């Protein structure tokens, strides 16, 4: 859910934290953990687009 909301908010910290009802530091911690576990480069536009598409397809398959 964190990555989904983060991508929906154009990788902006404050709106994402507000959307998840968490503190910005908590969000930054989560994103650091995600980075350490996956090495996803959120600064790369193509990576963000592909990740967004993949998440949307996964959500569609669950319904």
Protein backbone atom coordinates (compact mmCIF):
# COMPACT_ATOMS: atom_id res chain seq x y z
CA UNK A 1 0.00 0.00 0.00
CA UNK A 2 2.85 2.39 0.79
CA UNK A 3 4.35 2.15 -2.68
CA UNK A 4 0.94 2.44 -4.33
CA UNK A 5 0.03 5.64 -2.47
CA UNK A 6 3.56 7.01 -2.96
CA UNK A 7 3.32 6.54 -6.73
CA UNK A 8 -0.22 7.96 -6.85
CA UNK A 9 1.14 11.10 -5.17
CA UNK A 10 3.95 11.52 -7.71
CA UNK A 11 6.56 10.34 -5.18
CA UNK A 12 5.92 13.32 -2.91
CA UNK A 13 6.50 12.71 0.78
CA UNK A 14 3.98 15.00 2.48
CA UNK A 15 0.85 14.09 0.45
CA UNK A 16 1.76 10.41 0.68
CA UNK A 17 2.18 10.54 4.46
CA UNK A 18 -1.13 12.37 4.77
CA UNK A 19 -2.83 9.79 2.53
CA UNK A 20 -1.48 6.96 4.67
CA UNK A 21 -2.21 8.82 7.94
CA UNK A 22 1.41 8.47 9.08
CA UNK A 23 4.22 10.86 9.98
CA UNK A 24 6.62 11.87 7.22
CA UNK A 25 9.52 10.29 9.11
CA UNK A 26 7.63 6.99 9.22
CA UNK A 27 7.13 7.17 5.48
CA UNK A 28 10.81 7.94 4.90
CA UNK A 29 11.73 4.96 7.06
CA UNK A 30 9.39 2.68 5.08
CA UNK A 31 10.80 3.92 1.78
CA UNK A 32 14.34 3.31 3.01
CA UNK A 33 13.37 -0.21 4.02
CA UNK A 34 11.79 -0.81 0.61
CA UNK A 35 14.93 0.53 -1.07
CA UNK A 36 17.19 -1.76 0.97
CA UNK A 37 15.06 -4.83 0.26
CA UNK A 38 14.35 -4.22 -3.43
CA UNK A 39 16.82 -1.65 -4.81
CA UNK A 40 13.94 0.09 -6.62
CA UNK A 41 15.11 3.43 -8.01
CA UNK A 42 12.20 5.79 -7.39
CA UNK A 43 14.16 8.58 -9.08
CA UNK A 44 13.93 6.80 -12.44
CA UNK A 45 10.74 7.71 -14.32
CA UNK A 46 10.63 4.46 -16.32
CA UNK A 47 10.99 2.38 -13.18
CA UNK A 48 8.17 4.30 -11.50
CA UNK A 49 5.90 3.84 -14.52
CA UNK A 50 6.60 0.12 -14.74
CA UNK A 51 6.06 -0.33 -11.02
CA UNK A 52 2.78 1.58 -11.19
CA UNK A 53 1.55 -0.59 -14.07
CA UNK A 54 2.61 -3.76 -12.27
CA UNK A 55 0.77 -2.72 -9.12
CA UNK A 56 -2.39 -1.89 -11.07
CA UNK A 57 -2.29 -5.29 -12.78
CA UNK A 58 -1.81 -7.04 -9.44
CA UNK A 59 -4.78 -5.18 -7.96
CA UNK A 60 -6.91 -6.09 -10.98
CA UNK A 61 -6.01 -9.76 -10.61
CA UNK A 62 -7.07 -9.73 -6.96
CA UNK A 63 -10.59 -8.55 -7.77
